[in-house]
Amino acid sequence: MSDFKGADLLLSDLPDKTEEVIGDRGYDSNKIRLSLADRNITACIPPKKNRKSKPPYDWHLYKKRHLIENMFAKLKDWRRVATRYDRCTHTFMSAIHIAASFIFWLKE
């Protein structure tokens, strides 16, 4: 299933203080852009290749998206997080925090 179909659920849960949303080309649609604009949120989403009118986006901000993608890739190296051994949400989030802290500590 496309990420676009679940975007409404994700975007409705954004905090009120959100200023910008960075997304990939899969989230490029007028519906998503309008829903973000109604909430005064700037969309940093590159246009699809086949789009006739290409809306502008902050290319430099979009380049920072790889940091988030790299963190998810490193979290997947942790077997407990990747296979979601913990069924309880609180325990699973605790495992993510421990893994993220350890990844940060190894980077230093």
PDB file of N, CA and C in Angstrom:
ATOM      1  N   MET A   1       0.839  -1.174   0.000  1.00  0.00           N
ATOM      2  CA  MET A   1       0.000   0.000   0.000  1.00  0.00           C
ATOM      3  C   MET A   1       0.889   1.244   0.000  1.00  0.00           C
ATOM      4  N   SER A   2       0.460   2.230  -0.662  1.00  0.00           N
ATOM      5  CA  SER A   2       1.208   3.476  -0.753  1.00  0.00           C
ATOM      6  C   SER A   2       1.212   4.205   0.589  1.00  0.00           C
ATOM      7  N   ASP A   3       2.310   4.932   0.866  1.00  0.00           N
ATOM      8  CA  ASP A   3       2.397   5.750   2.074  1.00  0.00           C
ATOM      9  C   ASP A   3       1.357   6.860   2.048  1.00  0.00           C
ATOM     10  N   PHE A   4       0.966   7.241   0.863  1.00  0.00           N
ATOM     11  CA  PHE A   4       0.017   8.340   0.703  1.00  0.00           C
ATOM     12  C   PHE A   4      -1.312   8.031   1.386  1.00  0.00           C
ATOM     13  N   LYS A   5      -1.740   6.777   1.382  1.00  0.00           N
ATOM     14  CA  LYS A   5      -3.038   6.415   1.958  1.00  0.00           C
ATOM     15  C   LYS A   5      -3.067   6.591   3.472  1.00  0.00           C
ATOM     16  N   GLY A   6      -1.948   6.394   4.154  1.00  0.00           N
ATOM     17  CA  GLY A   6      -1.898   6.550   5.598  1.00  0.00           C
ATOM     18  C   GLY A   6      -1.466   7.925   6.053  1.00  0.00           C
ATOM     19  N   ALA A   7      -1.219   8.807   5.126  1.00  0.00           N
ATOM     20  CA  ALA A   7      -0.713  10.137   5.469  1.00  0.00           C
ATOM     21  C   ALA A   7      -1.719  10.952   6.268  1.00  0.00           C
ATOM     22  N   ASP A   8      -2.998  10.800   5.994  1.00  0.00           N
ATOM     23  CA  ASP A   8      -4.008  11.569   6.726  1.00  0.00           C
ATOM     24  C   ASP A   8      -3.952  11.277   8.216  1.00  0.00           C
ATOM     25  N   LEU A   9      -3.769  10.013   8.570  1.00  0.00           N
ATOM     26  CA  LEU A   9      -3.674   9.648   9.982  1.00  0.00           C
ATOM     27  C   LEU A   9      -2.434  10.219  10.632  1.00  0.00           C
ATOM     28  N   LEU A  10      -1.313  10.165   9.923  1.00  0.00           N
ATOM     29  CA  LEU A  10      -0.074  10.686  10.482  1.00  0.00           C
ATOM     30  C   LEU A  10      -0.114  12.203  10.626  1.00  0.00           C
ATOM     31  N   LEU A  11      -0.620  12.871   9.617  1.00  0.00           N
ATOM     32  CA  LEU A  11      -0.625  14.334   9.638  1.00  0.00           C
ATOM     33  C   LEU A  11      -1.618  14.895  10.650  1.00  0.00           C
ATOM     34  N   SER A  12      -2.679  14.160  10.937  1.00  0.00           N
ATOM     35  CA  SER A  12      -3.656  14.655  11.912  1.00  0.00           C
ATOM     36  C   SER A  12      -3.086  14.615  13.328  1.00  0.00           C
ATOM     37  N   ASP A  13      -2.081  13.771  13.577  1.00  0.00           N
ATOM     38  CA  ASP A  13      -1.484  13.660  14.910  1.00  0.00           C
ATOM     39  C   ASP A  13      -0.287  14.580  15.124  1.00  0.00           C
ATOM     40  N   LEU A  14       0.016  15.435  14.167  1.00  0.00           N
ATOM     41  CA  LEU A  14       1.143  16.350  14.334  1.00  0.00           C
ATOM     42  C   LEU A  14       0.867  17.341  15.460  1.00  0.00           C
ATOM     43  N   PRO A  15       1.879  17.683  16.248  1.00  0.00           N
ATOM     44  CA  PRO A  15       1.682  18.693  17.292  1.00  0.00           C
ATOM     45  C   PRO A  15       1.321  20.047  16.694  1.00  0.00           C
ATOM     46  N   ASP A  16       0.675  20.881  17.483  1.00  0.00           N
ATOM     47  CA  ASP A  16       0.231  22.197  17.012  1.00  0.00           C
ATOM     48  C   ASP A  16       1.401  23.121  16.664  1.00  0.00           C
ATOM     49  N   LYS A  17       2.550  22.916  17.288  1.00  0.00           N
ATOM     50  CA  LYS A  17       3.697  23.800  17.064  1.00  0.00           C
ATOM     51  C   LYS A  17       4.549  23.385  15.871  1.00  0.00           C
ATOM     52  N   THR A  18       4.114  22.408  15.092  1.00  0.00           N
ATOM     53  CA  THR A  18       4.869  21.949  13.932  1.00  0.00           C
ATOM     54  C   THR A  18       4.946  23.058  12.894  1.00  0.00           C
ATOM     55  N   GLU A  19       6.155  23.335  12.422  1.00  0.00           N
ATOM     56  CA  GLU A  19       6.353  24.391  11.439  1.00  0.00           C
ATOM     57  C   GLU A  19       6.618  23.846  10.047  1.00  0.00           C
ATOM     58  N   GLU A  20       7.322  22.698   9.964  1.00  0.00           N
ATOM     59  CA  GLU A  20       7.685  22.129   8.660  1.00  0.00           C
ATOM     60  C   GLU A  20       7.537  20.617   8.699  1.00  0.00           C
ATOM     61  N   VAL A  21       7.205  20.068   7.549  1.00  0.00           N
ATOM     62  CA  VAL A  21       7.140  18.619   7.377  1.00  0.00           C
ATOM     63  C   VAL A  21       8.023  18.264   6.186  1.00  0.00           C
ATOM     64  N   ILE A  22       8.940  17.324   6.405  1.00  0.00           N
ATOM     65  CA  ILE A  22       9.820  16.867   5.335  1.00  0.00           C
ATOM     66  C   ILE A  22       9.329  15.495   4.897  1.00  0.00           C
ATOM     67  N   GLY A  23       9.046  15.348   3.620  1.00  0.00           N
ATOM     68  CA  GLY A  23       8.576  14.070   3.097  1.00  0.00           C
ATOM     69  C   GLY A  23       9.207  13.760   1.763  1.00  0.00           C
ATOM     70  N   ASP A  24       9.118  12.500   1.359  1.00  0.00           N
ATOM     71  CA  ASP A  24       9.673  12.140   0.061  1.00  0.00           C
ATOM     72  C   ASP A  24       8.612  12.311  -1.028  1.00  0.00           C
ATOM     73  N   ARG A  25       8.956  11.964  -2.239  1.00  0.00           N
ATOM     74  CA  ARG A  25       8.068  12.177  -3.381  1.00  0.00           C
ATOM     75  C   ARG A  25       6.748  11.417  -3.264  1.00  0.00           C
ATOM     76  N   GLY A  26       6.727  10.368  -2.460  1.00  0.00           N
ATOM     77  CA  GLY A  26       5.500   9.598  -2.276  1.00  0.00           C
ATOM     78  C   GLY A  26       4.387  10.406  -1.619  1.00  0.00           C
ATOM     79  N   TYR A  27       4.740  11.463  -0.922  1.00  0.00           N
ATOM     80  CA  TYR A  27       3.753  12.312  -0.250  1.00  0.00           C
ATOM     81  C   TYR A  27       3.392  13.557  -1.060  1.00  0.00           C
ATOM     82  N   ASP A  28       3.836  13.625  -2.295  1.00  0.00           N
ATOM     83  CA  ASP A  28       3.553  14.784  -3.134  1.00  0.00           C
ATOM     84  C   ASP A  28       2.149  14.676  -3.717  1.00  0.00           C
ATOM     85  N   SER A  29       1.229  15.376  -3.094  1.00  0.00           N
ATOM     86  CA  SER A  29      -0.131  15.465  -3.623  1.00  0.00           C
ATOM     87  C   SER A  29      -0.729  16.802  -3.199  1.00  0.00           C
ATOM     88  N   ASN A  30      -1.669  17.261  -3.976  1.00  0.00           N
ATOM     89  CA  ASN A  30      -2.319  18.533  -3.643  1.00  0.00           C
ATOM     90  C   ASN A  30      -3.090  18.432  -2.338  1.00  0.00           C
ATOM     91  N   LYS A  31      -3.689  17.271  -2.081  1.00  0.00           N
ATOM     92  CA  LYS A  31      -4.477  17.079  -0.861  1.00  0.00           C
ATOM     93  C   LYS A  31      -3.602  17.236   0.380  1.00  0.00           C
ATOM     94  N   ILE A  32      -2.433  16.604   0.376  1.00  0.00           N
ATOM     95  CA  ILE A  32      -1.527  16.704   1.526  1.00  0.00           C
ATOM     96  C   ILE A  32      -0.999  18.122   1.662  1.00  0.00           C
ATOM     97  N   ARG A  33      -0.623  18.723   0.553  1.00  0.00           N
ATOM     98  CA  ARG A  33      -0.102  20.095   0.611  1.00  0.00           C
ATOM     99  C   ARG A  33      -1.155  21.078   1.129  1.00  0.00           C
ATOM    100  N   LEU A  34      -2.393  20.917   0.711  1.00  0.00           N
ATOM    101  CA  LEU A  34      -3.458  21.804   1.180  1.00  0.00           C
ATOM    102  C   LEU A  34      -3.767  21.591   2.654  1.00  0.00           C
ATOM    103  N   SER A  35      -3.771  20.335   3.096  1.00  0.00           N
ATOM    104  CA  SER A  35      -4.054  20.082   4.512  1.00  0.00           C
ATOM    105  C   SER A  35      -2.950  20.660   5.397  1.00  0.00           C
ATOM    106  N   LEU A  36      -1.713  20.621   4.930  1.00  0.00           N
ATOM    107  CA  LEU A  36      -0.626  21.235   5.691  1.00  0.00           C
ATOM    108  C   LEU A  36      -0.715  22.757   5.649  1.00  0.00           C
ATOM    109  N   ALA A  37      -1.054  23.301   4.502  1.00  0.00           N
ATOM    110  CA  ALA A  37      -1.166  24.760   4.373  1.00  0.00           C
ATOM    111  C   ALA A  37      -2.301  25.297   5.246  1.00  0.00           C
ATOM    112  N   ASP A  38      -3.384  24.543   5.401  1.00  0.00           N
ATOM    113  CA  ASP A  38      -4.491  24.974   6.256  1.00  0.00           C
ATOM    114  C   ASP A  38      -4.057  25.104   7.719  1.00  0.00           C
ATOM    115  N   ARG A  39      -3.066  24.334   8.102  1.00  0.00           N
ATOM    116  CA  ARG A  39      -2.562  24.379   9.478  1.00  0.00           C
ATOM    117  C   ARG A  39      -1.305  25.231   9.600  1.00  0.00           C
ATOM    118  N   ASN A  40      -0.966  26.000   8.571  1.00  0.00           N
ATOM    119  CA  ASN A  40       0.214  26.873   8.531  1.00  0.00           C
ATOM    120  C   ASN A  40       1.513  26.088   8.722  1.00  0.00           C
ATOM    121  N   ILE A  41       1.591  24.925   8.080  1.00  0.00           N
ATOM    122  CA  ILE A  41       2.787  24.092   8.119  1.00  0.00           C
ATOM    123  C   ILE A  41       3.410  24.106   6.733  1.00  0.00           C
ATOM    124  N   THR A  42       4.707  24.377   6.674  1.00  0.00           N
ATOM    125  CA  THR A  42       5.419  24.395   5.406  1.00  0.00           C
ATOM    126  C   THR A  42       5.742  22.968   4.985  1.00  0.00           C
ATOM    127  N   ALA A  43       5.394  22.615   3.752  1.00  0.00           N
ATOM    128  CA  ALA A  43       5.675  21.282   3.226  1.00  0.00           C
ATOM    129  C   ALA A  43       6.990  21.300   2.464  1.00  0.00           C
ATOM    130  N   CYS A  44       7.941  20.505   2.910  1.00  0.00           N
ATOM    131  CA  CYS A  44       9.213  20.352   2.208  1.00  0.00           C
ATOM    132  C   CYS A  44       9.181  18.987   1.530  1.00  0.00           C
ATOM    133  N   ILE A  45       8.469  18.927   0.431  1.00  0.00           N
ATOM    134  CA  ILE A  45       8.262  17.690  -0.316  1.00  0.00           C
ATOM    135  C   ILE A  45       8.637  17.952  -1.766  1.00  0.00           C
ATOM    136  N   PRO A  46       9.620  17.221  -2.294  1.00  0.00           N
ATOM    137  CA  PRO A  46       9.970  17.438  -3.700  1.00  0.00           C
ATOM    138  C   PRO A  46       8.848  16.945  -4.611  1.00  0.00           C
ATOM    139  N   PRO A  47       8.631  17.629  -5.724  1.00  0.00           N
ATOM    140  CA  PRO A  47       7.557  17.208  -6.631  1.00  0.00           C
ATOM    141  C   PRO A  47       7.905  15.922  -7.362  1.00  0.00           C
ATOM    142  N   LYS A  48       6.871  15.174  -7.717  1.00  0.00           N
ATOM    143  CA  LYS A  48       7.085  13.965  -8.518  1.00  0.00           C
ATOM    144  C   LYS A  48       7.615  14.363  -9.886  1.00  0.00           C
ATOM    145  N   LYS A  49       8.287  13.432 -10.520  1.00  0.00           N
ATOM    146  CA  LYS A  49       8.893  13.714 -11.831  1.00  0.00           C
ATOM    147  C   LYS A  49       7.842  14.041 -12.894  1.00  0.00           C
ATOM    148  N   ASN A  50       6.662  13.413 -12.792  1.00  0.00           N
ATOM    149  CA  ASN A  50       5.649  13.592 -13.829  1.00  0.00           C
ATOM    150  C   ASN A  50       4.685  14.733 -13.534  1.00  0.00           C
ATOM    151  N   ARG A  51       4.919  15.517 -12.507  1.00  0.00           N
ATOM    152  CA  ARG A  51       4.031  16.629 -12.151  1.00  0.00           C
ATOM    153  C   ARG A  51       4.215  17.766 -13.140  1.00  0.00           C
ATOM    154  N   LYS A  52       3.117  18.310 -13.633  1.00  0.00           N
ATOM    155  CA  LYS A  52       3.204  19.390 -14.619  1.00  0.00           C
ATOM    156  C   LYS A  52       3.613  20.714 -13.971  1.00  0.00           C
ATOM    157  N   SER A  53       2.938  21.102 -12.882  1.00  0.00           N
ATOM    158  CA  SER A  53       3.330  22.322 -12.168  1.00  0.00           C
ATOM    159  C   SER A  53       4.094  21.892 -10.915  1.00  0.00           C
ATOM    160  N   LYS A  54       5.356  22.208 -10.878  1.00  0.00           N
ATOM    161  CA  LYS A  54       6.221  21.760  -9.788  1.00  0.00           C
ATOM    162  C   LYS A  54       6.288  22.831  -8.698  1.00  0.00           C
ATOM    163  N   PRO A  55       5.674  22.553  -7.532  1.00  0.00           N
ATOM    164  CA  PRO A  55       5.735  23.529  -6.434  1.00  0.00           C
ATOM    165  C   PRO A  55       7.148  23.600  -5.851  1.00  0.00           C
ATOM    166  N   PRO A  56       7.551  24.767  -5.369  1.00  0.00           N
ATOM    167  CA  PRO A  56       8.907  24.910  -4.818  1.00  0.00           C
ATOM    168  C   PRO A  56       9.033  24.210  -3.466  1.00  0.00           C
ATOM    169  N   TYR A  57      10.264  23.837  -3.130  1.00  0.00           N
ATOM    170  CA  TYR A  57      10.558  23.263  -1.816  1.00  0.00           C
ATOM    171  C   TYR A  57      11.985  23.635  -1.443  1.00  0.00           C
ATOM    172  N   ASP A  58      12.293  23.596  -0.156  1.00  0.00           N
ATOM    173  CA  ASP A  58      13.616  23.959   0.342  1.00  0.00           C
ATOM    174  C   ASP A  58      14.567  22.769   0.161  1.00  0.00           C
ATOM    175  N   TRP A  59      15.379  22.820  -0.868  1.00  0.00           N
ATOM    176  CA  TRP A  59      16.263  21.717  -1.222  1.00  0.00           C
ATOM    177  C   TRP A  59      17.294  21.441  -0.124  1.00  0.00           C
ATOM    178  N   HIS A  60      17.796  22.493   0.523  1.00  0.00           N
ATOM    179  CA  HIS A  60      18.799  22.332   1.576  1.00  0.00           C
ATOM    180  C   HIS A  60      18.200  21.664   2.806  1.00  0.00           C
ATOM    181  N   LEU A  61      16.980  21.992   3.148  1.00  0.00           N
ATOM    182  CA  LEU A  61      16.305  21.332   4.265  1.00  0.00           C
ATOM    183  C   LEU A  61      16.023  19.870   3.929  1.00  0.00           C
ATOM    184  N   TYR A  62      15.644  19.606   2.695  1.00  0.00           N
ATOM    185  CA  TYR A  62      15.343  18.235   2.281  1.00  0.00           C
ATOM    186  C   TYR A  62      16.586  17.348   2.344  1.00  0.00           C
ATOM    187  N   LYS A  63      17.763  17.912   2.102  1.00  0.00           N
ATOM    188  CA  LYS A  63      18.996  17.131   2.163  1.00  0.00           C
ATOM    189  C   LYS A  63      19.258  16.592   3.566  1.00  0.00           C
ATOM    190  N   LYS A  64      18.743  17.248   4.589  1.00  0.00           N
ATOM    191  CA  LYS A  64      18.947  16.801   5.969  1.00  0.00           C
ATOM    192  C   LYS A  64      18.081  15.589   6.316  1.00  0.00           C
ATOM    193  N   ARG A  65      17.176  15.240   5.434  1.00  0.00           N
ATOM    194  CA  ARG A  65      16.288  14.104   5.668  1.00  0.00           C
ATOM    195  C   ARG A  65      17.063  12.798   5.796  1.00  0.00           C
ATOM    196  N   HIS A  66      18.220  12.728   5.163  1.00  0.00           N
ATOM    197  CA  HIS A  66      19.004  11.495   5.214  1.00  0.00           C
ATOM    198  C   HIS A  66      19.460  11.157   6.631  1.00  0.00           C
ATOM    199  N   LEU A  67      19.584  12.149   7.507  1.00  0.00           N
ATOM    200  CA  LEU A  67      19.963  11.880   8.891  1.00  0.00           C
ATOM    201  C   LEU A  67      18.913  11.016   9.591  1.00  0.00           C
ATOM    202  N   ILE A  68      17.663  11.302   9.325  1.00  0.00           N
ATOM    203  CA  ILE A  68      16.576  10.521   9.908  1.00  0.00           C
ATOM    204  C   ILE A  68      16.567   9.119   9.314  1.00  0.00           C
ATOM    205  N   GLU A  69      16.747   9.028   8.009  1.00  0.00           N
ATOM    206  CA  GLU A  69      16.779   7.726   7.347  1.00  0.00           C
ATOM    207  C   GLU A  69      17.937   6.878   7.866  1.00  0.00           C
ATOM    208  N   ASN A  70      19.086   7.502   8.098  1.00  0.00           N
ATOM    209  CA  ASN A  70      20.235   6.769   8.631  1.00  0.00           C
ATOM    210  C   ASN A  70      19.965   6.258  10.039  1.00  0.00           C
ATOM    211  N   MET A  71      19.260   7.028  10.841  1.00  0.00           N
ATOM    212  CA  MET A  71      18.945   6.586  12.201  1.00  0.00           C
ATOM    213  C   MET A  71      18.034   5.371  12.175  1.00  0.00           C
ATOM    214  N   PHE A  72      17.044   5.378  11.296  1.00  0.00           N
ATOM    215  CA  PHE A  72      16.167   4.209  11.174  1.00  0.00           C
ATOM    216  C   PHE A  72      16.960   2.989  10.711  1.00  0.00           C
ATOM    217  N   ALA A  73      17.889   3.180   9.806  1.00  0.00           N
ATOM    218  CA  ALA A  73      18.713   2.070   9.332  1.00  0.00           C
ATOM    219  C   ALA A  73      19.570   1.501  10.467  1.00  0.00           C
ATOM    220  N   LYS A  74      20.111   2.369  11.309  1.00  0.00           N
ATOM    221  CA  LYS A  74      20.920   1.896  12.427  1.00  0.00           C
ATOM    222  C   LYS A  74      20.064   1.210  13.487  1.00  0.00           C
ATOM    223  N   LEU A  75      18.845   1.692  13.690  1.00  0.00           N
ATOM    224  CA  LEU A  75      17.948   1.037  14.651  1.00  0.00           C
ATOM    225  C   LEU A  75      17.568  -0.365  14.188  1.00  0.00           C
ATOM    226  N   LYS A  76      17.499  -0.561  12.884  1.00  0.00           N
ATOM    227  CA  LYS A  76      17.151  -1.886  12.365  1.00  0.00           C
ATOM    228  C   LYS A  76      18.256  -2.902  12.599  1.00  0.00           C
ATOM    229  N   ASP A  77      19.469  -2.441  12.919  1.00  0.00           N
ATOM    230  CA  ASP A  77      20.549  -3.350  13.268  1.00  0.00           C
ATOM    231  C   ASP A  77      20.327  -3.986  14.642  1.00  0.00           C
ATOM    232  N   TRP A  78      19.497  -3.377  15.454  1.00  0.00           N
ATOM    233  CA  TRP A  78      19.186  -3.908  16.771  1.00  0.00           C
ATOM    234  C   TRP A  78      18.033  -4.897  16.614  1.00  0.00           C
ATOM    235  N   ARG A  79      18.332  -6.154  16.823  1.00  0.00           N
ATOM    236  CA  ARG A  79      17.364  -7.226  16.567  1.00  0.00           C
ATOM    237  C   ARG A  79      16.073  -7.045  17.365  1.00  0.00           C
ATOM    238  N   ARG A  80      16.197  -6.665  18.606  1.00  0.00           N
ATOM    239  CA  ARG A  80      15.020  -6.494  19.470  1.00  0.00           C
ATOM    240  C   ARG A  80      14.077  -5.427  18.906  1.00  0.00           C
ATOM    241  N   VAL A  81      14.640  -4.368  18.342  1.00  0.00           N
ATOM    242  CA  VAL A  81      13.827  -3.286  17.777  1.00  0.00           C
ATOM    243  C   VAL A  81      13.290  -3.687  16.402  1.00  0.00           C
ATOM    244  N   ALA A  82      14.132  -4.294  15.576  1.00  0.00           N
ATOM    245  CA  ALA A  82      13.740  -4.629  14.203  1.00  0.00           C
ATOM    246  C   ALA A  82      12.617  -5.662  14.166  1.00  0.00           C
ATOM    247  N   THR A  83      12.652  -6.633  15.063  1.00  0.00           N
ATOM    248  CA  THR A  83      11.625  -7.681  15.054  1.00  0.00           C
ATOM    249  C   THR A  83      10.509  -7.405  16.037  1.00  0.00           C
ATOM    250  N   ARG A  84      10.615  -6.334  16.782  1.00  0.00           N
ATOM    251  CA  ARG A  84       9.630  -5.902  17.768  1.00  0.00           C
ATOM    252  C   ARG A  84       9.253  -7.035  18.719  1.00  0.00           C
ATOM    253  N   TYR A  85      10.257  -7.481  19.473  1.00  0.00           N
ATOM    254  CA  TYR A  85      10.014  -8.515  20.482  1.00  0.00           C
ATOM    255  C   TYR A  85       9.052  -8.028  21.555  1.00  0.00           C
ATOM    256  N   ASP A  86       9.155  -6.770  21.905  1.00  0.00           N
ATOM    257  CA  ASP A  86       8.326  -6.205  22.969  1.00  0.00           C
ATOM    258  C   ASP A  86       6.961  -5.816  22.417  1.00  0.00           C
ATOM    259  N   ARG A  87       5.917  -6.408  22.933  1.00  0.00           N
ATOM    260  CA  ARG A  87       4.564  -6.101  22.457  1.00  0.00           C
ATOM    261  C   ARG A  87       3.969  -4.873  23.141  1.00  0.00           C
ATOM    262  N   CYS A  88       4.437  -4.579  24.324  1.00  0.00           N
ATOM    263  CA  CYS A  88       3.952  -3.415  25.051  1.00  0.00           C
ATOM    264  C   CYS A  88       4.600  -2.153  24.457  1.00  0.00           C
ATOM    265  N   THR A  89       3.812  -1.161  24.176  1.00  0.00           N
ATOM    266  CA  THR A  89       4.309   0.069  23.555  1.00  0.00           C
ATOM    267  C   THR A  89       5.377   0.743  24.411  1.00  0.00           C
ATOM    268  N   HIS A  90       5.128   0.787  25.712  1.00  0.00           N
ATOM    269  CA  HIS A  90       6.073   1.446  26.614  1.00  0.00           C
ATOM    270  C   HIS A  90       7.429   0.732  26.601  1.00  0.00           C
ATOM    271  N   THR A  91       7.423  -0.579  26.633  1.00  0.00           N
ATOM    272  CA  THR A  91       8.664  -1.345  26.622  1.00  0.00           C
ATOM    273  C   THR A  91       9.374  -1.208  25.281  1.00  0.00           C
ATOM    274  N   PHE A  92       8.611  -1.217  24.198  1.00  0.00           N
ATOM    275  CA  PHE A  92       9.201  -1.060  22.867  1.00  0.00           C
ATOM    276  C   PHE A  92       9.865   0.306  22.726  1.00  0.00           C
ATOM    277  N   MET A  93       9.187   1.368  23.170  1.00  0.00           N
ATOM    278  CA  MET A  93       9.772   2.711  23.095  1.00  0.00           C
ATOM    279  C   MET A  93      11.014   2.807  23.987  1.00  0.00           C
ATOM    280  N   SER A  94      11.005   2.121  25.120  1.00  0.00           N
ATOM    281  CA  SER A  94      12.189   2.104  25.984  1.00  0.00           C
ATOM    282  C   SER A  94      13.363   1.455  25.265  1.00  0.00           C
ATOM    283  N   ALA A  95      13.100   0.360  24.550  1.00  0.00           N
ATOM    284  CA  ALA A  95      14.160  -0.306  23.785  1.00  0.00           C
ATOM    285  C   ALA A  95      14.702   0.608  22.696  1.00  0.00           C
ATOM    286  N   ILE A  96      13.825   1.376  22.037  1.00  0.00           N
ATOM    287  CA  ILE A  96      14.266   2.327  21.014  1.00  0.00           C
ATOM    288  C   ILE A  96      15.146   3.412  21.637  1.00  0.00           C
ATOM    289  N   HIS A  97      14.758   3.914  22.801  1.00  0.00           N
ATOM    290  CA  HIS A  97      15.545   4.957  23.466  1.00  0.00           C
ATOM    291  C   HIS A  97      16.916   4.438  23.876  1.00  0.00           C
ATOM    292  N   ILE A  98      16.954   3.217  24.390  1.00  0.00           N
ATOM    293  CA  ILE A  98      18.247   2.633  24.775  1.00  0.00           C
ATOM    294  C   ILE A  98      19.128   2.444  23.543  1.00  0.00           C
ATOM    295  N   ALA A  99      18.553   1.909  22.471  1.00  0.00           N
ATOM    296  CA  ALA A  99      19.322   1.694  21.246  1.00  0.00           C
ATOM    297  C   ALA A  99      19.813   3.021  20.669  1.00  0.00           C
ATOM    298  N   ALA A 100      18.946   4.034  20.645  1.00  0.00           N
ATOM    299  CA  ALA A 100      19.333   5.334  20.100  1.00  0.00           C
ATOM    300  C   ALA A 100      20.429   5.983  20.948  1.00  0.00           C
ATOM    301  N   SER A 101      20.334   5.832  22.264  1.00  0.00           N
ATOM    302  CA  SER A 101      21.376   6.381  23.143  1.00  0.00           C
ATOM    303  C   SER A 101      22.710   5.684  22.907  1.00  0.00           C
ATOM    304  N   PHE A 102      22.652   4.372  22.750  1.00  0.00           N
ATOM    305  CA  PHE A 102      23.880   3.617  22.526  1.00  0.00           C
ATOM    306  C   PHE A 102      24.485   3.964  21.166  1.00  0.00           C
ATOM    307  N   ILE A 103      23.658   4.136  20.143  1.00  0.00           N
ATOM    308  CA  ILE A 103      24.138   4.532  18.812  1.00  0.00           C
ATOM    309  C   ILE A 103      24.807   5.907  18.883  1.00  0.00           C
ATOM    310  N   PHE A 104      24.182   6.833  19.618  1.00  0.00           N
ATOM    311  CA  PHE A 104      24.757   8.167  19.782  1.00  0.00           C
ATOM    312  C   PHE A 104      26.090   8.078  20.520  1.00  0.00           C
ATOM    313  N   TRP A 105      26.153   7.239  21.562  1.00  0.00           N
ATOM    314  CA  TRP A 105      27.365   7.096  22.359  1.00  0.00           C
ATOM    315  C   TRP A 105      28.493   6.513  21.501  1.00  0.00           C
ATOM    316  N   LEU A 106      28.194   5.557  20.642  1.00  0.00           N
ATOM    317  CA  LEU A 106      29.207   4.967  19.770  1.00  0.00           C
ATOM    318  C   LEU A 106      29.734   5.966  18.750  1.00  0.00           C
ATOM    319  N   LYS A 107      28.878   6.898  18.349  1.00  0.00           N
ATOM    320  CA  LYS A 107      29.262   7.903  17.350  1.00  0.00           C
ATOM    321  C   LYS A 107      30.300   8.878  17.912  1.00  0.00           C
ATOM    322  N   GLU A 108      30.198   9.183  19.187  1.00  0.00           N
ATOM    323  CA  GLU A 108      31.092  10.161  19.832  1.00  0.00           C
ATOM    324  C   GLU A 108      32.499   9.666  19.900  1.00  0.00           C
TER     325      GLU A 108
END
